[in-house]
Amino acid sequence: VLSVIRKNGEIFGKNVKQVIEDSGVPCTFSGGPWMPYITFDPDPNHVYRKLREEFYRQLIRRKIFLQPYHHGYICYRHTEEDLDNAVNMIGESLKECRKLM
């Protein structure tokens, strides 16, 4: 079970990092492979707060719930399709955040 979770989490993390890099939104992925977490890089004008709120709002609209103030978890039940969908929705949500920059 743990080897499957690790493998899925590593793939998920790699894909999320790529989506973040492609988006140009100043945020960071951490906690992989077990407990993914996306944080928004602090800035003097506190734009990161607006980005964080918008990002998690957009995710919820896309039926994805990640904790905004706590690590999430990769579970054995998560299929490759589940995780790919989450990555795609993270990408779409970051595109919406880009509009605030």
C-alpha atoms as a PDB file:
ATOM      1  CA  VAL A   1       0.000   0.000   0.000  1.00  0.00           C
ATOM      2  CA  LEU A   2       2.699   2.490   0.965  1.00  0.00           C
ATOM      3  CA  SER A   3       4.714   1.879  -2.193  1.00  0.00           C
ATOM      4  CA  VAL A   4       1.617   2.630  -4.323  1.00  0.00           C
ATOM      5  CA  ILE A   5       0.917   5.814  -2.361  1.00  0.00           C
ATOM      6  CA  ARG A   6       4.551   6.905  -2.681  1.00  0.00           C
ATOM      7  CA  LYS A   7       4.622   6.245  -6.436  1.00  0.00           C
ATOM      8  CA  ASN A   8       1.324   8.086  -7.024  1.00  0.00           C
ATOM      9  CA  GLY A   9       2.410  10.950  -4.779  1.00  0.00           C
ATOM     10  CA  GLU A  10       5.710  11.344  -6.585  1.00  0.00           C
ATOM     11  CA  ILE A  11       3.981  11.506  -9.965  1.00  0.00           C
ATOM     12  CA  PHE A  12       1.366  13.912  -8.609  1.00  0.00           C
ATOM     13  CA  GLY A  13       4.032  16.151  -7.083  1.00  0.00           C
ATOM     14  CA  LYS A  14       6.099  16.225 -10.269  1.00  0.00           C
ATOM     15  CA  ASN A  15       3.024  17.145 -12.306  1.00  0.00           C
ATOM     16  CA  VAL A  16       1.863  19.837  -9.866  1.00  0.00           C
ATOM     17  CA  LYS A  17       5.333  21.396  -9.787  1.00  0.00           C
ATOM     18  CA  GLN A  18       5.288  21.588 -13.581  1.00  0.00           C
ATOM     19  CA  VAL A  19       1.821  23.183 -13.610  1.00  0.00           C
ATOM     20  CA  ILE A  20       2.972  25.732 -11.029  1.00  0.00           C
ATOM     21  CA  GLU A  21       6.083  26.550 -13.038  1.00  0.00           C
ATOM     22  CA  ASP A  22       4.071  26.899 -16.253  1.00  0.00           C
ATOM     23  CA  SER A  23       1.521  29.175 -14.560  1.00  0.00           C
ATOM     24  CA  GLY A  24       3.960  31.869 -13.473  1.00  0.00           C
ATOM     25  CA  VAL A  25       1.990  32.260 -10.233  1.00  0.00           C
ATOM     26  CA  PRO A  26       4.363  32.701  -7.273  1.00  0.00           C
ATOM     27  CA  CYS A  27       3.575  29.608  -5.254  1.00  0.00           C
ATOM     28  CA  THR A  28       5.364  26.523  -3.976  1.00  0.00           C
ATOM     29  CA  PHE A  29       4.533  22.830  -3.786  1.00  0.00           C
ATOM     30  CA  SER A  30       5.760  20.960  -0.725  1.00  0.00           C
ATOM     31  CA  GLY A  31       4.925  17.889   1.330  1.00  0.00           C
ATOM     32  CA  GLY A  32       5.317  15.334  -1.448  1.00  0.00           C
ATOM     33  CA  PRO A  33       4.900  12.504  -1.943  1.00  0.00           C
ATOM     34  CA  TRP A  34       2.662  11.852   1.056  1.00  0.00           C
ATOM     35  CA  MET A  35       1.149  15.182   2.105  1.00  0.00           C
ATOM     36  CA  PRO A  36       0.875  17.726  -0.740  1.00  0.00           C
ATOM     37  CA  TYR A  37       0.571  21.389   0.101  1.00  0.00           C
ATOM     38  CA  ILE A  38       0.573  24.523  -2.052  1.00  0.00           C
ATOM     39  CA  THR A  39       1.599  27.819  -0.485  1.00  0.00           C
ATOM     40  CA  PHE A  40       1.685  31.246  -2.051  1.00  0.00           C
ATOM     41  CA  ASP A  41       4.926  33.163  -1.778  1.00  0.00           C
ATOM     42  CA  PRO A  42       4.648  36.219   0.503  1.00  0.00           C
ATOM     43  CA  ASP A  43       5.099  39.639  -1.068  1.00  0.00           C
ATOM     44  CA  PRO A  44       5.228  43.167   0.385  1.00  0.00           C
ATOM     45  CA  ASN A  45       1.811  44.098  -1.036  1.00  0.00           C
ATOM     46  CA  HIS A  46       0.131  40.957   0.343  1.00  0.00           C
ATOM     47  CA  VAL A  47      -1.132  39.913  -3.093  1.00  0.00           C
ATOM     48  CA  TYR A  48      -0.381  36.332  -2.055  1.00  0.00           C
ATOM     49  CA  ARG A  49      -3.407  36.429   0.247  1.00  0.00           C
ATOM     50  CA  LYS A  50      -5.730  37.250  -2.649  1.00  0.00           C
ATOM     51  CA  LEU A  51      -4.068  34.606  -4.791  1.00  0.00           C
ATOM     52  CA  ARG A  52      -4.476  31.984  -2.064  1.00  0.00           C
ATOM     53  CA  GLU A  53      -8.166  32.781  -1.546  1.00  0.00           C
ATOM     54  CA  GLU A  54      -8.885  32.787  -5.270  1.00  0.00           C
ATOM     55  CA  PHE A  55      -6.942  29.576  -5.868  1.00  0.00           C
ATOM     56  CA  TYR A  56      -8.821  27.564  -3.274  1.00  0.00           C
ATOM     57  CA  ARG A  57     -12.139  29.120  -4.311  1.00  0.00           C
ATOM     58  CA  GLN A  58     -11.487  28.077  -7.907  1.00  0.00           C
ATOM     59  CA  LEU A  59     -10.513  24.555  -6.845  1.00  0.00           C
ATOM     60  CA  ILE A  60     -13.749  24.111  -4.917  1.00  0.00           C
ATOM     61  CA  ARG A  61     -15.713  25.297  -7.962  1.00  0.00           C
ATOM     62  CA  ARG A  62     -13.974  22.494  -9.838  1.00  0.00           C
ATOM     63  CA  LYS A  63     -14.938  19.905  -7.206  1.00  0.00           C
ATOM     64  CA  ILE A  64     -11.412  19.599  -5.774  1.00  0.00           C
ATOM     65  CA  PHE A  65     -10.832  20.221  -2.093  1.00  0.00           C
ATOM     66  CA  LEU A  66      -7.318  20.842  -0.852  1.00  0.00           C
ATOM     67  CA  GLN A  67      -6.699  22.283   2.561  1.00  0.00           C
ATOM     68  CA  PRO A  68      -5.762  25.980   2.284  1.00  0.00           C
ATOM     69  CA  TYR A  69      -3.955  25.987   5.649  1.00  0.00           C
ATOM     70  CA  HIS A  70      -2.953  22.347   6.075  1.00  0.00           C
ATOM     71  CA  HIS A  71      -1.360  19.530   4.113  1.00  0.00           C
ATOM     72  CA  GLY A  72      -3.591  17.227   2.082  1.00  0.00           C
ATOM     73  CA  TYR A  73      -3.020  13.503   1.726  1.00  0.00           C
ATOM     74  CA  ILE A  74      -2.442  11.062  -1.092  1.00  0.00           C
ATOM     75  CA  CYS A  75      -4.579   7.997  -0.395  1.00  0.00           C
ATOM     76  CA  TYR A  76      -4.450   4.457  -1.692  1.00  0.00           C
ATOM     77  CA  ARG A  77      -7.950   4.975  -3.118  1.00  0.00           C
ATOM     78  CA  HIS A  78      -6.828   7.837  -5.367  1.00  0.00           C
ATOM     79  CA  THR A  79      -6.663   6.546  -8.903  1.00  0.00           C
ATOM     80  CA  GLU A  80      -4.358   7.853 -11.598  1.00  0.00           C
ATOM     81  CA  GLU A  81      -7.425   9.512 -13.148  1.00  0.00           C
ATOM     82  CA  ASP A  82      -8.286  11.191  -9.817  1.00  0.00           C
ATOM     83  CA  LEU A  83      -4.807  12.616  -9.455  1.00  0.00           C
ATOM     84  CA  ASP A  84      -4.569  13.684 -13.105  1.00  0.00           C
ATOM     85  CA  ASN A  85      -7.904  15.465 -12.738  1.00  0.00           C
ATOM     86  CA  ALA A  86      -6.659  17.231  -9.599  1.00  0.00           C
ATOM     87  CA  VAL A  87      -3.519  18.368 -11.445  1.00  0.00           C
ATOM     88  CA  ASN A  88      -5.624  19.712 -14.328  1.00  0.00           C
ATOM     89  CA  MET A  89      -7.937  21.561 -11.947  1.00  0.00           C
ATOM     90  CA  ILE A  90      -4.943  23.022 -10.105  1.00  0.00           C
ATOM     91  CA  GLY A  91      -3.709  24.297 -13.467  1.00  0.00           C
ATOM     92  CA  GLU A  92      -7.073  25.841 -14.338  1.00  0.00           C
ATOM     93  CA  SER A  93      -7.306  27.455 -10.907  1.00  0.00           C
ATOM     94  CA  LEU A  94      -3.814  28.924 -11.227  1.00  0.00           C
ATOM     95  CA  LYS A  95      -4.787  30.404 -14.607  1.00  0.00           C
ATOM     96  CA  GLU A  96      -7.632  32.215 -12.862  1.00  0.00           C
ATOM     97  CA  CYS A  97      -5.229  33.456 -10.198  1.00  0.00           C
ATOM     98  CA  ARG A  98      -2.924  34.820 -12.866  1.00  0.00           C
ATOM     99  CA  LYS A  99      -5.655  37.338 -13.711  1.00  0.00           C
ATOM    100  CA  LEU A 100      -5.157  38.941 -10.270  1.00  0.00           C
ATOM    101  CA  MET A 101      -1.476  39.624 -10.845  1.00  0.00           C
END
